[in-house]
N, C-alpha and C. Protein backbone atom coordinates (compact mmCIF):
# COMPACT_ATOMS: atom_id res chain seq x y z
N ARG A 1 124.42 74.53 62.27
CA ARG A 1 125.38 74.82 61.27
C ARG A 1 126.15 76.08 61.69
N TRP A 2 127.41 76.12 61.46
CA TRP A 2 128.27 77.25 61.79
C TRP A 2 128.08 78.34 60.75
N GLN A 3 127.95 79.58 61.21
CA GLN A 3 127.80 80.72 60.30
C GLN A 3 128.59 81.90 60.85
N ASP A 4 129.53 82.40 60.05
CA ASP A 4 130.27 83.57 60.48
C ASP A 4 129.38 84.80 60.48
N MET A 5 129.41 85.55 61.58
CA MET A 5 128.60 86.76 61.72
C MET A 5 129.48 87.88 62.21
N THR A 6 129.13 89.10 61.87
CA THR A 6 129.84 90.28 62.37
C THR A 6 128.86 91.04 63.30
N THR A 7 129.44 91.97 64.04
CA THR A 7 128.57 92.75 64.92
C THR A 7 127.56 93.57 64.08
N ALA A 8 127.96 93.97 62.88
CA ALA A 8 127.03 94.68 62.00
C ALA A 8 125.83 93.79 61.63
N ASP A 9 126.06 92.48 61.48
CA ASP A 9 124.96 91.58 61.17
C ASP A 9 123.94 91.57 62.29
N TYR A 10 124.41 91.63 63.51
CA TYR A 10 123.54 91.61 64.68
C TYR A 10 122.95 92.97 65.01
N PHE A 11 123.77 94.01 64.91
CA PHE A 11 123.38 95.32 65.50
C PHE A 11 123.25 96.43 64.47
N GLY A 12 123.49 96.17 63.19
CA GLY A 12 123.45 97.20 62.19
C GLY A 12 122.17 98.01 62.21
N GLY A 13 122.26 99.33 62.30
CA GLY A 13 121.08 100.17 62.28
C GLY A 13 120.29 100.21 63.56
N LYS A 14 120.84 99.61 64.62
CA LYS A 14 120.16 99.55 65.90
C LYS A 14 120.95 100.34 66.95
N ARG A 15 120.25 100.83 67.96
CA ARG A 15 120.90 101.47 69.12
C ARG A 15 121.23 100.33 70.07
N VAL A 16 122.50 100.28 70.47
CA VAL A 16 122.98 99.15 71.31
C VAL A 16 123.64 99.64 72.55
N ILE A 17 123.32 99.00 73.64
CA ILE A 17 123.99 99.23 74.92
C ILE A 17 124.70 97.94 75.30
N LEU A 18 126.00 98.01 75.46
CA LEU A 18 126.77 96.86 75.86
C LEU A 18 127.06 96.96 77.35
N PHE A 19 126.78 95.92 78.10
CA PHE A 19 127.01 95.97 79.53
C PHE A 19 127.55 94.67 80.03
N SER A 20 128.11 94.73 81.22
CA SER A 20 128.63 93.55 81.90
C SER A 20 128.24 93.63 83.35
N LEU A 21 127.80 92.52 83.92
CA LEU A 21 127.46 92.52 85.33
C LEU A 21 128.48 91.64 86.07
N PRO A 22 129.32 92.25 86.88
CA PRO A 22 130.28 91.46 87.63
C PRO A 22 129.58 90.66 88.75
N GLY A 23 130.21 89.60 89.20
CA GLY A 23 129.68 88.81 90.30
C GLY A 23 129.70 89.62 91.58
N ALA A 24 128.68 89.43 92.41
CA ALA A 24 128.62 90.13 93.68
C ALA A 24 129.78 89.71 94.56
N PHE A 25 130.61 90.65 94.91
CA PHE A 25 131.75 90.45 95.80
C PHE A 25 132.71 89.39 95.32
N THR A 26 132.78 89.15 94.03
CA THR A 26 133.76 88.27 93.46
C THR A 26 134.50 89.02 92.42
N PRO A 27 135.77 88.68 92.14
CA PRO A 27 136.56 89.49 91.21
C PRO A 27 136.08 89.41 89.74
N THR A 28 135.58 88.28 89.33
CA THR A 28 135.15 88.14 87.94
C THR A 28 134.01 87.16 87.79
N CYS A 29 133.38 87.24 86.62
CA CYS A 29 132.43 86.21 86.21
C CYS A 29 133.14 85.43 85.13
N SER A 30 133.05 84.11 85.19
CA SER A 30 133.91 83.39 84.30
C SER A 30 133.16 82.78 83.10
N THR A 31 131.96 82.32 83.23
CA THR A 31 131.36 81.58 82.16
C THR A 31 129.89 81.94 81.96
N TYR A 32 129.57 82.45 80.76
CA TYR A 32 128.15 82.68 80.45
C TYR A 32 127.54 81.30 80.17
N GLN A 33 126.43 81.02 80.80
CA GLN A 33 125.75 79.73 80.62
C GLN A 33 124.74 79.78 79.48
N GLU A 34 124.06 80.91 79.40
CA GLU A 34 123.02 81.07 78.37
C GLU A 34 122.81 82.53 78.07
N VAL A 35 122.76 82.88 76.83
CA VAL A 35 122.47 84.24 76.42
C VAL A 35 121.36 84.17 75.38
N VAL A 36 120.22 84.80 75.68
CA VAL A 36 119.11 84.90 74.73
C VAL A 36 118.92 86.38 74.48
N PRO A 37 119.33 86.88 73.31
CA PRO A 37 119.26 88.31 73.05
C PRO A 37 117.87 88.90 73.37
N GLN A 38 117.90 90.02 74.05
CA GLN A 38 116.73 90.78 74.47
C GLN A 38 115.84 90.06 75.45
N GLU A 39 116.32 88.91 76.00
CA GLU A 39 115.53 88.18 76.99
C GLU A 39 116.29 87.89 78.29
N LYS A 40 117.45 87.25 78.20
CA LYS A 40 118.16 86.91 79.41
C LYS A 40 119.60 86.55 79.15
N ALA A 41 120.38 86.64 80.25
CA ALA A 41 121.76 86.21 80.25
C ALA A 41 122.00 85.56 81.60
N SER A 42 122.58 84.38 81.59
CA SER A 42 122.93 83.71 82.84
C SER A 42 124.40 83.34 82.81
N PHE A 43 125.04 83.40 83.97
CA PHE A 43 126.45 83.09 84.02
C PHE A 43 126.79 82.40 85.32
N LEU A 44 127.83 81.61 85.23
CA LEU A 44 128.37 80.87 86.37
C LEU A 44 129.59 81.64 86.89
N MET A 45 129.54 81.99 88.15
CA MET A 45 130.66 82.74 88.75
C MET A 45 131.80 81.77 89.11
N ASP A 46 132.97 82.35 89.33
CA ASP A 46 134.16 81.52 89.60
C ASP A 46 133.97 80.57 90.77
N ASP A 47 133.10 80.93 91.72
CA ASP A 47 132.94 80.09 92.91
C ASP A 47 131.79 79.09 92.73
N GLY A 48 131.22 79.00 91.51
CA GLY A 48 130.19 78.00 91.22
C GLY A 48 128.78 78.50 91.36
N ARG A 49 128.58 79.72 91.80
CA ARG A 49 127.24 80.26 91.94
C ARG A 49 126.72 80.72 90.59
N LEU A 50 125.41 80.62 90.43
CA LEU A 50 124.75 81.01 89.17
C LEU A 50 123.99 82.32 89.37
N ALA A 51 124.03 83.17 88.35
CA ALA A 51 123.22 84.39 88.33
C ALA A 51 122.52 84.45 86.98
N GLU A 52 121.30 84.95 86.99
CA GLU A 52 120.55 85.10 85.77
C GLU A 52 119.89 86.48 85.75
N THR A 53 120.10 87.21 84.64
CA THR A 53 119.45 88.52 84.49
C THR A 53 118.45 88.40 83.33
N THR A 54 117.22 88.83 83.58
CA THR A 54 116.19 88.78 82.55
C THR A 54 115.75 90.22 82.20
N PHE A 55 115.34 90.38 80.96
CA PHE A 55 114.91 91.66 80.43
C PHE A 55 113.46 91.46 79.91
N THR A 56 112.50 92.18 80.55
CA THR A 56 111.09 92.02 80.19
C THR A 56 110.49 93.34 79.81
N PRO A 57 109.91 93.44 78.59
CA PRO A 57 109.26 94.69 78.20
C PRO A 57 108.08 95.01 79.10
N VAL A 58 108.03 96.22 79.61
CA VAL A 58 106.91 96.67 80.45
C VAL A 58 106.65 98.17 80.19
N ASP A 59 105.44 98.54 79.90
CA ASP A 59 105.00 99.93 79.81
C ASP A 59 105.99 100.81 79.05
N GLY A 60 106.42 100.43 77.86
CA GLY A 60 107.33 101.24 77.09
C GLY A 60 108.76 101.22 77.57
N GLY A 61 109.08 100.43 78.52
CA GLY A 61 110.45 100.31 79.05
C GLY A 61 110.84 98.86 79.18
N THR A 62 111.85 98.61 79.94
CA THR A 62 112.33 97.24 80.15
C THR A 62 112.59 97.03 81.63
N GLN A 63 112.02 95.97 82.17
CA GLN A 63 112.28 95.56 83.54
C GLN A 63 113.48 94.65 83.52
N VAL A 64 114.50 94.96 84.34
CA VAL A 64 115.70 94.16 84.43
C VAL A 64 115.75 93.53 85.82
N VAL A 65 115.78 92.21 85.88
CA VAL A 65 115.79 91.49 87.15
C VAL A 65 116.95 90.51 87.17
N THR A 66 117.71 90.54 88.27
CA THR A 66 118.80 89.59 88.45
C THR A 66 118.48 88.68 89.63
N VAL A 67 118.55 87.38 89.40
CA VAL A 67 118.36 86.37 90.47
C VAL A 67 119.72 85.69 90.59
N PHE A 68 120.18 85.54 91.84
CA PHE A 68 121.53 84.98 92.03
C PHE A 68 121.55 84.00 93.20
N ASP A 69 122.51 83.04 93.12
CA ASP A 69 122.78 82.19 94.25
C ASP A 69 123.58 82.98 95.25
N ALA A 70 123.14 83.04 96.48
CA ALA A 70 123.85 83.80 97.48
C ALA A 70 125.11 83.08 97.91
N GLU A 71 126.13 83.86 98.29
CA GLU A 71 127.36 83.26 98.85
C GLU A 71 127.25 83.29 100.36
N THR A 72 128.17 82.76 101.03
CA THR A 72 128.06 82.61 102.53
C THR A 72 128.84 83.66 103.30
N GLN A 73 129.71 84.45 102.67
CA GLN A 73 130.56 85.37 103.40
C GLN A 73 129.81 86.63 103.81
N HIS A 74 128.89 87.08 102.98
CA HIS A 74 128.15 88.31 103.23
C HIS A 74 126.66 87.99 103.37
N SER A 75 125.94 88.83 104.11
CA SER A 75 124.50 88.59 104.27
C SER A 75 123.77 88.68 102.92
N VAL A 76 122.66 87.97 102.83
CA VAL A 76 121.87 88.03 101.61
C VAL A 76 121.44 89.45 101.33
N GLU A 77 121.06 90.20 102.37
CA GLU A 77 120.63 91.58 102.18
C GLU A 77 121.77 92.43 101.58
N MET A 78 122.99 92.24 102.09
CA MET A 78 124.13 93.00 101.58
C MET A 78 124.35 92.65 100.07
N GLN A 79 124.23 91.37 99.74
CA GLN A 79 124.40 90.96 98.36
C GLN A 79 123.32 91.53 97.49
N ARG A 80 122.10 91.51 97.98
CA ARG A 80 120.95 92.10 97.24
C ARG A 80 121.18 93.57 96.97
N GLU A 81 121.66 94.29 97.98
CA GLU A 81 121.93 95.71 97.83
C GLU A 81 123.04 95.93 96.79
N GLY A 82 124.05 95.08 96.78
CA GLY A 82 125.10 95.19 95.78
C GLY A 82 124.61 95.01 94.36
N TRP A 83 123.79 93.99 94.16
CA TRP A 83 123.19 93.76 92.84
C TRP A 83 122.31 94.93 92.45
N GLN A 84 121.52 95.46 93.42
CA GLN A 84 120.62 96.54 93.13
C GLN A 84 121.41 97.79 92.71
N ALA A 85 122.54 98.02 93.36
CA ALA A 85 123.39 99.15 93.01
C ALA A 85 123.88 99.03 91.56
N ILE A 86 124.28 97.82 91.16
CA ILE A 86 124.72 97.57 89.81
C ILE A 86 123.58 97.90 88.82
N LEU A 87 122.39 97.38 89.11
CA LEU A 87 121.24 97.61 88.23
C LEU A 87 120.84 99.07 88.19
N ASN A 88 120.91 99.80 89.34
CA ASN A 88 120.60 101.23 89.38
C ASN A 88 121.55 102.02 88.52
N ASN A 89 122.85 101.68 88.59
CA ASN A 89 123.85 102.36 87.75
C ASN A 89 123.60 102.08 86.28
N PHE A 90 123.28 100.86 85.93
CA PHE A 90 122.96 100.51 84.57
C PHE A 90 121.75 101.31 84.08
N LYS A 91 120.71 101.38 84.90
CA LYS A 91 119.51 102.11 84.54
C LYS A 91 119.84 103.60 84.29
N ALA A 92 120.57 104.19 85.19
CA ALA A 92 120.93 105.62 85.03
C ALA A 92 121.72 105.83 83.75
N HIS A 93 122.66 104.92 83.45
CA HIS A 93 123.44 105.02 82.23
C HIS A 93 122.56 104.90 80.99
N ALA A 94 121.69 103.87 80.98
CA ALA A 94 120.83 103.65 79.79
C ALA A 94 119.92 104.83 79.56
N GLU A 95 119.38 105.41 80.64
CA GLU A 95 118.46 106.53 80.49
C GLU A 95 119.16 107.81 80.07
N SER A 96 120.47 107.88 80.28
CA SER A 96 121.22 109.11 79.91
C SER A 96 121.58 109.14 78.45
N LEU A 97 121.40 108.01 77.74
CA LEU A 97 121.78 107.94 76.30
C LEU A 97 120.77 108.62 75.40
């Protein structure tokens, strides 16, 4: 059933961090495939590759893991380093709040 919701309905009284993960070496991410609040977000990149980021509670924090389909232009290691840089920046930002 359709239900109109506002951001206050979802986030009222909560501390919220809004983030976006761009596709590795691609200009944009075009389509979210699945979003499960506080668990995971997966999206299909413009070139058809899939990426999924999961959020798992661990030892009073959250483990953030991104698994992605590699592209063929750059080495897998370079792509992994790019994703890790995105996650490191996100971590630094979240910890600074």
